[in-house]
Protein backbone atom coordinates (compact mmCIF):
# COMPACT_ATOMS: atom_id res chain seq x y z
CA MET A 1 -122.12 212.87 11.10
CA ARG A 2 -121.64 212.04 14.77
CA ASP A 3 -118.15 213.63 14.78
CA SER A 4 -119.55 216.81 13.20
CA ARG A 5 -122.18 217.15 15.90
CA ARG A 6 -119.60 216.50 18.61
CA ALA A 7 -117.29 219.17 17.17
CA ARG A 8 -120.09 221.73 17.06
CA LEU A 9 -121.01 220.88 20.65
CA ILE A 10 -117.43 221.29 21.87
CA LEU A 11 -117.10 224.57 19.99
CA GLY A 12 -120.29 225.87 21.55
CA VAL A 13 -119.13 224.93 25.04
CA LEU A 14 -115.79 226.65 24.50
CA LEU A 15 -117.43 229.82 23.20
CA ALA A 16 -119.81 229.87 26.16
CA ALA A 17 -116.93 229.38 28.58
CA ALA A 18 -114.93 232.15 26.93
CA LEU A 19 -117.92 234.49 27.15
CA VAL A 20 -118.37 233.73 30.85
CA ILE A 21 -114.64 234.27 31.51
CA LEU A 22 -114.62 237.64 29.66
CA THR A 23 -117.76 238.79 31.52
CA VAL A 24 -116.35 237.85 34.93
CA ASP A 25 -112.95 239.44 34.15
CA HIS A 26 -114.56 242.66 32.91
CA ARG A 27 -116.90 243.07 35.88
CA THR A 28 -114.36 242.31 38.57
CA GLY A 29 -111.68 244.64 37.09
CA ASP A 30 -108.32 244.67 38.92
CA SER A 31 -109.61 242.14 41.54
CA SER A 32 -110.35 239.60 38.82
CA PRO A 33 -109.09 236.08 39.65
CA LEU A 34 -108.03 235.87 35.97
CA ARG A 35 -105.59 238.82 36.20
CA PRO A 36 -102.42 236.65 36.42
CA LEU A 37 -103.54 234.73 33.38
CA ARG A 38 -104.23 237.95 31.49
CA ALA A 39 -100.79 239.38 32.39
CA ALA A 40 -99.08 236.17 31.30
CA GLY A 41 -100.87 236.32 28.00
CA ALA A 42 -100.00 239.96 27.49
CA TYR A 43 -96.36 239.21 28.25
CA LEU A 44 -96.22 236.28 25.86
CA PHE A 45 -98.00 238.01 23.00
CA GLY A 46 -96.14 241.35 23.60
CA THR A 47 -92.77 239.59 23.55
CA ALA A 48 -93.71 237.82 20.36
CA GLU A 49 -94.73 241.16 18.80
CA GLN A 50 -91.46 242.85 19.82
CA PHE A 51 -89.46 239.91 18.50
CA GLY A 52 -91.33 240.17 15.23
CA ASN A 53 -90.59 243.89 14.98
CA VAL A 54 -86.89 243.28 15.70
CA VAL A 55 -86.74 240.69 12.94
CA VAL A 56 -88.99 242.46 10.44
CA ARG A 57 -87.79 246.10 10.89
CA PRO A 58 -84.18 245.60 9.58
CA VAL A 59 -85.49 243.57 6.69
CA GLY A 60 -87.98 246.32 5.87
CA ALA A 61 -85.31 249.00 6.13
CA PHE A 62 -83.04 246.97 3.86
CA LEU A 63 -85.80 246.55 1.29
CA HIS A 64 -86.63 250.29 1.53
CA ALA A 65 -82.97 251.16 0.98
CA ILE A 66 -82.84 248.95 -2.09
CA VAL A 67 -85.99 250.52 -3.50
CA THR A 68 -84.89 254.13 -2.84
CA ALA A 69 -81.13 253.71 -3.63
CA PRO A 70 -81.33 254.85 -7.30
CA ALA A 71 -83.25 257.99 -6.36
CA ALA A 72 -80.82 258.76 -3.53
CA GLN A 73 -77.82 258.29 -5.80
CA GLU A 74 -79.43 260.52 -8.41
CA ARG A 75 -80.00 263.18 -5.76
CA ILE A 76 -76.38 262.93 -4.65
CA GLU A 77 -75.18 263.38 -8.23
CA THR A 78 -77.50 266.36 -8.66
CA LEU A 79 -76.11 267.98 -5.50
CA LYS A 80 -72.56 267.36 -6.70
CA GLU A 81 -73.33 269.05 -10.02
CA GLU A 82 -74.94 272.00 -8.24
CA ASN A 83 -71.92 272.38 -5.94
CA ALA A 84 -69.56 272.22 -8.91
CA LYS A 85 -71.56 274.93 -10.69
CA LEU A 86 -71.49 277.10 -7.57
CA ARG A 87 -67.73 276.70 -7.24
CA ALA A 88 -67.25 277.43 -10.93
CA GLY A 89 -69.44 280.50 -10.60
CA LEU A 90 -67.40 281.77 -7.66
CA VAL A 91 -64.13 281.23 -9.55
CA ALA A 92 -65.53 282.90 -12.67
CA GLY A 93 -66.77 285.81 -10.59
CA LYS A 94 -63.34 286.23 -9.01
CA LEU A 95 -61.66 286.02 -12.42
CA ASP A 96 -64.03 288.60 -13.85
CA ALA A 97 -63.37 290.89 -10.90
CA ASP A 98 -59.60 290.45 -11.26
CA ARG A 99 -59.71 291.08 -15.01
CA SER A 100 -61.86 294.16 -14.51
CA LYS A 101 -59.33 295.48 -11.99
CA GLU A 102 -56.43 294.80 -14.38
CA LEU A 103 -58.23 296.47 -17.27
CA LYS A 104 -58.96 299.54 -15.14
CA LYS A 105 -55.25 299.83 -14.22
CA LEU A 106 -54.23 299.40 -17.86
CA ILE A 107 -56.62 302.11 -19.06
CA GLY A 108 -55.32 304.42 -16.33
CA LEU A 109 -51.68 303.86 -17.30
CA ALA A 110 -52.40 304.34 -21.02
CA GLY A 111 -54.39 307.48 -20.32
CA THR A 112 -51.61 309.01 -18.22
CA GLY A 113 -48.97 308.23 -20.84
CA GLY A 114 -51.10 309.24 -23.82
CA TYR A 115 -50.79 305.79 -25.40
CA LYS A 116 -53.48 304.71 -27.85
CA MET A 117 -53.82 300.97 -27.50
CA VAL A 118 -55.73 297.81 -28.35
CA THR A 119 -56.49 295.56 -25.36
CA GLY A 120 -56.15 291.80 -25.45
CA SER A 121 -55.55 288.75 -23.30
CA VAL A 122 -52.66 286.31 -23.03
CA ILE A 123 -53.86 282.94 -24.31
CA ALA A 124 -50.64 280.90 -24.33
CA ARG A 125 -47.02 280.88 -23.30
CA ARG A 126 -44.76 279.80 -26.11
CA GLY A 127 -41.22 279.77 -27.40
CA LEU A 128 -39.93 280.96 -30.76
CA PRO A 129 -36.72 280.29 -32.68
CA GLY A 130 -34.19 282.70 -31.19
CA PHE A 131 -36.41 283.56 -28.19
CA GLU A 132 -37.04 281.77 -24.91
CA ASP A 133 -39.68 283.88 -23.21
CA ALA A 134 -42.73 284.78 -25.31
CA VAL A 135 -46.53 284.73 -25.07
CA GLN A 136 -49.39 284.67 -27.53
CA ILE A 137 -52.23 287.19 -27.27
CA ASP A 138 -55.70 287.17 -28.83
CA VAL A 139 -55.44 290.33 -31.00
CA GLY A 140 -53.80 290.63 -34.42
CA THR A 141 -53.68 292.53 -37.70
CA SER A 142 -57.47 292.70 -37.92
CA ASP A 143 -57.32 294.75 -34.70
CA GLY A 144 -54.58 297.08 -35.97
CA VAL A 145 -51.66 295.24 -34.36
CA ARG A 146 -48.36 295.11 -36.26
CA PRO A 147 -44.89 293.73 -35.48
CA GLU A 148 -42.54 295.97 -33.49
CA MET A 149 -45.27 297.51 -31.33
CA THR A 150 -44.95 298.02 -27.57
CA VAL A 151 -46.96 295.78 -25.23
CA ILE A 152 -47.85 296.92 -21.72
CA ASN A 153 -50.13 295.96 -18.84
CA GLY A 154 -51.51 297.91 -15.90
CA ASP A 155 -48.16 297.84 -14.11
CA GLY A 156 -45.63 298.55 -16.82
CA LEU A 157 -43.68 297.25 -19.80
CA VAL A 158 -44.35 293.68 -20.95
CA GLY A 159 -42.48 293.39 -24.27
CA ARG A 160 -42.86 293.87 -28.01
CA VAL A 161 -44.79 292.22 -30.83
CA VAL A 162 -42.61 290.09 -33.12
CA HIS A 163 -45.17 288.15 -35.16
CA THR A 164 -48.84 288.63 -36.08
CA THR A 165 -51.73 286.82 -37.73
CA SER A 166 -55.17 288.23 -38.38
CA ARG A 167 -56.39 287.20 -34.92
CA THR A 168 -53.30 286.61 -32.77
CA SER A 169 -49.87 288.06 -32.04
CA THR A 170 -46.68 286.75 -30.48
CA VAL A 171 -45.00 288.96 -27.89
CA VAL A 172 -41.38 288.61 -26.74
CA LEU A 173 -41.12 289.60 -23.09
CA VAL A 174 -38.53 292.00 -21.68
CA SER A 175 -37.27 289.09 -19.57
CA ASP A 176 -36.09 287.19 -22.68
CA PRO A 177 -32.26 287.07 -22.88
CA ALA A 178 -32.43 288.28 -26.49
CA SER A 179 -34.52 291.32 -25.53
CA SER A 180 -33.02 294.81 -25.17
CA VAL A 181 -34.85 298.03 -24.30
CA GLY A 182 -33.50 301.57 -24.23
CA ALA A 183 -34.10 302.91 -20.71
CA ARG A 184 -33.23 305.71 -18.34
CA LEU A 185 -33.24 306.43 -14.64
CA GLU A 186 -36.10 308.38 -13.13
CA GLY A 187 -35.54 312.09 -12.74
CA GLY A 188 -32.46 312.32 -14.94
CA LYS A 189 -31.02 311.91 -18.38
CA GLU A 190 -28.74 308.97 -17.62
CA ILE A 191 -29.58 306.31 -20.14
CA GLY A 192 -28.77 302.65 -20.54
CA VAL A 193 -30.10 299.37 -21.85
CA VAL A 194 -32.33 296.79 -20.16
CA HIS A 195 -31.63 293.16 -21.04
CA GLY A 196 -33.57 290.08 -20.09
CA VAL A 197 -31.68 287.51 -18.02
CA GLY A 198 -34.27 284.75 -17.83
CA GLU A 199 -34.78 283.77 -14.16
CA HIS A 200 -38.50 283.39 -14.96
CA GLY A 201 -38.81 287.17 -15.31
CA ARG A 202 -37.95 287.90 -11.70
CA LEU A 203 -35.13 290.33 -12.63
CA VAL A 204 -33.83 292.24 -15.64
CA GLN A 205 -30.38 293.70 -16.11
CA PHE A 206 -29.88 297.47 -16.49
CA ARG A 207 -26.55 298.58 -17.95
CA LEU A 208 -26.00 302.30 -17.39
CA LEU A 209 -23.80 303.79 -20.11
CA ASP A 210 -22.21 306.45 -17.88
CA SER A 211 -20.07 304.67 -15.28
CA THR A 212 -19.84 307.87 -13.21
CA ALA A 213 -23.58 308.47 -12.91
CA PRO A 214 -25.07 307.73 -9.48
CA MET A 215 -27.23 304.62 -9.26
CA SER A 216 -28.58 302.93 -6.13
CA ARG A 217 -31.05 300.39 -4.85
CA GLY A 218 -34.63 301.65 -5.14
CA GLY A 219 -33.96 303.68 -8.28
CA ARG A 220 -36.72 303.42 -10.86
CA ILE A 221 -36.32 302.78 -14.58
CA VAL A 222 -38.57 303.84 -17.47
CA SER A 223 -38.37 303.20 -21.22
CA PHE A 224 -36.32 305.77 -23.12
CA GLY A 225 -38.10 305.21 -26.41
CA SER A 226 -36.87 303.85 -29.74
CA GLN A 227 -36.39 305.77 -32.99
CA ASN A 228 -39.83 306.75 -34.28
CA TRP A 229 -41.13 305.07 -31.11
CA ARG A 230 -40.77 301.57 -32.64
CA PRO A 231 -40.60 299.07 -31.08
CA TYR A 232 -40.73 300.90 -27.72
CA VAL A 233 -42.61 304.04 -26.80
CA PRO A 234 -41.14 306.33 -24.09
CA GLY A 235 -42.11 306.70 -20.46
CA VAL A 236 -43.35 303.16 -19.72
CA PRO A 237 -42.36 301.96 -16.21
CA ILE A 238 -39.89 299.05 -16.43
CA GLY A 239 -38.73 298.23 -12.93
CA VAL A 240 -37.12 299.06 -9.58
CA ILE A 241 -33.41 298.48 -8.95
CA GLU A 242 -32.76 295.77 -6.34
CA ARG A 243 -28.98 295.61 -6.44
CA VAL A 244 -26.07 297.40 -8.05
CA GLU A 245 -22.92 295.53 -9.03
CA SER A 246 -19.46 296.92 -8.44
CA THR A 247 -17.70 297.40 -11.79
CA PRO A 248 -14.44 299.29 -11.09
CA GLY A 249 -12.51 300.30 -14.19
CA GLU A 250 -15.38 299.54 -16.59
CA LEU A 251 -17.08 302.08 -18.84
CA THR A 252 -20.60 301.04 -17.79
CA ARG A 253 -22.39 300.25 -14.54
CA ILE A 254 -24.65 297.24 -14.04
CA ALA A 255 -27.73 296.88 -11.87
CA TYR A 256 -30.52 294.32 -11.56
CA ALA A 257 -34.13 295.47 -11.36
CA ARG A 258 -37.43 293.86 -10.49
CA PRO A 259 -39.93 294.45 -13.31
CA TYR A 260 -43.14 296.26 -12.43
CA ALA A 261 -45.15 293.82 -14.57
CA ASP A 262 -45.44 290.29 -13.19
CA LEU A 263 -44.17 288.51 -16.30
CA THR A 264 -45.06 285.08 -14.89
CA ALA A 265 -48.76 285.86 -14.46
CA LEU A 266 -49.84 287.94 -17.45
CA ASP A 267 -53.49 288.22 -18.42
CA VAL A 268 -54.87 291.56 -19.67
CA VAL A 269 -52.43 293.49 -21.87
CA GLY A 270 -52.47 296.44 -24.24
CA VAL A 271 -50.69 296.85 -27.56
CA VAL A 272 -49.71 300.49 -28.16
CA VAL A 273 -50.87 301.17 -31.73
CA GLU A 274 -50.14 304.91 -31.57
CA ALA A 275 -47.33 306.59 -29.63
CA PRO A 276 -47.92 309.68 -27.44
CA LYS A 277 -47.47 313.09 -29.02
CA ARG A 278 -44.86 313.93 -26.40
CA ASP A 279 -42.64 311.97 -24.05
CA PRO A 280 -44.54 311.55 -20.74
CA ARG A 281 -41.16 311.33 -18.95
CA ASP A 282 -41.80 310.13 -15.37
CA ALA A 283 -45.54 310.85 -15.27
CA VAL A 284 -46.54 307.20 -15.71
CA LEU A 285 -44.47 305.92 -12.81
CA PRO A 286 -46.59 304.87 -9.81
CA ALA A 287 -46.58 307.03 -6.72
CA LYS A 288 -43.72 306.24 -4.39
CA GLU A 289 -44.57 304.37 -1.21
CA THR A 290 -44.14 306.55 1.84
CA ALA A 291 -42.13 305.19 4.76
CA ARG A 292 -44.21 304.26 7.78
């Protein structure tokens, strides 16, 4: 009981002293005799607060990172998916634009030559017994395609159909070593035969039957046309001569030509299902580049 009274008395004295000190310090302002004590207290308590922030802030940031990590990762994955879709959209847009350009060229070539055709796309590159260089396209007998029909693209001759199903066809390219196409030089009646030589379709061989006929680099070759226009229709651009071989004493002359059609990068093609009513001759050849 006595200790309780003593404790209350001491507490009352301390509170009274604190009240007096606060009153004196407030009224005297900057000239207060307690200013050094107040500054020391502010320094001590401020330092303790800063130390607490230094210790607590990294811990809080770490805890916040742990809490928000799943959401952040999910956001990152979402952004990756959106970027992938955007890239795919850009690629698809470019492909659509390229295919539209190729189709426009193909329609223009067919229209100039008077070829009635069925358009399709190359879906696979494949080999066949007896052939090395062939592709599969996505049109077949249900589209009117039959074996021994000419296949072209917007640049020139591609090959001929050798096998069909209801929905697909196999085309042997003019670059295949077993391929042979009746051909002639532009602007004349000199005829010969174009053979594939492999080399990934970079060149084809043109054997001119008249060894005395003039032939030089830059000469252009078109299809001569087969009997009843099967398998090859006339007037389709084949290629441009890059070099002529010297064949003294032989009955034929040999040249190597670069095909107009890029046989390594085929996409949109046309199968000629009806030959032109008349030979277009050189009308389908592209305009010659003028020297600058």
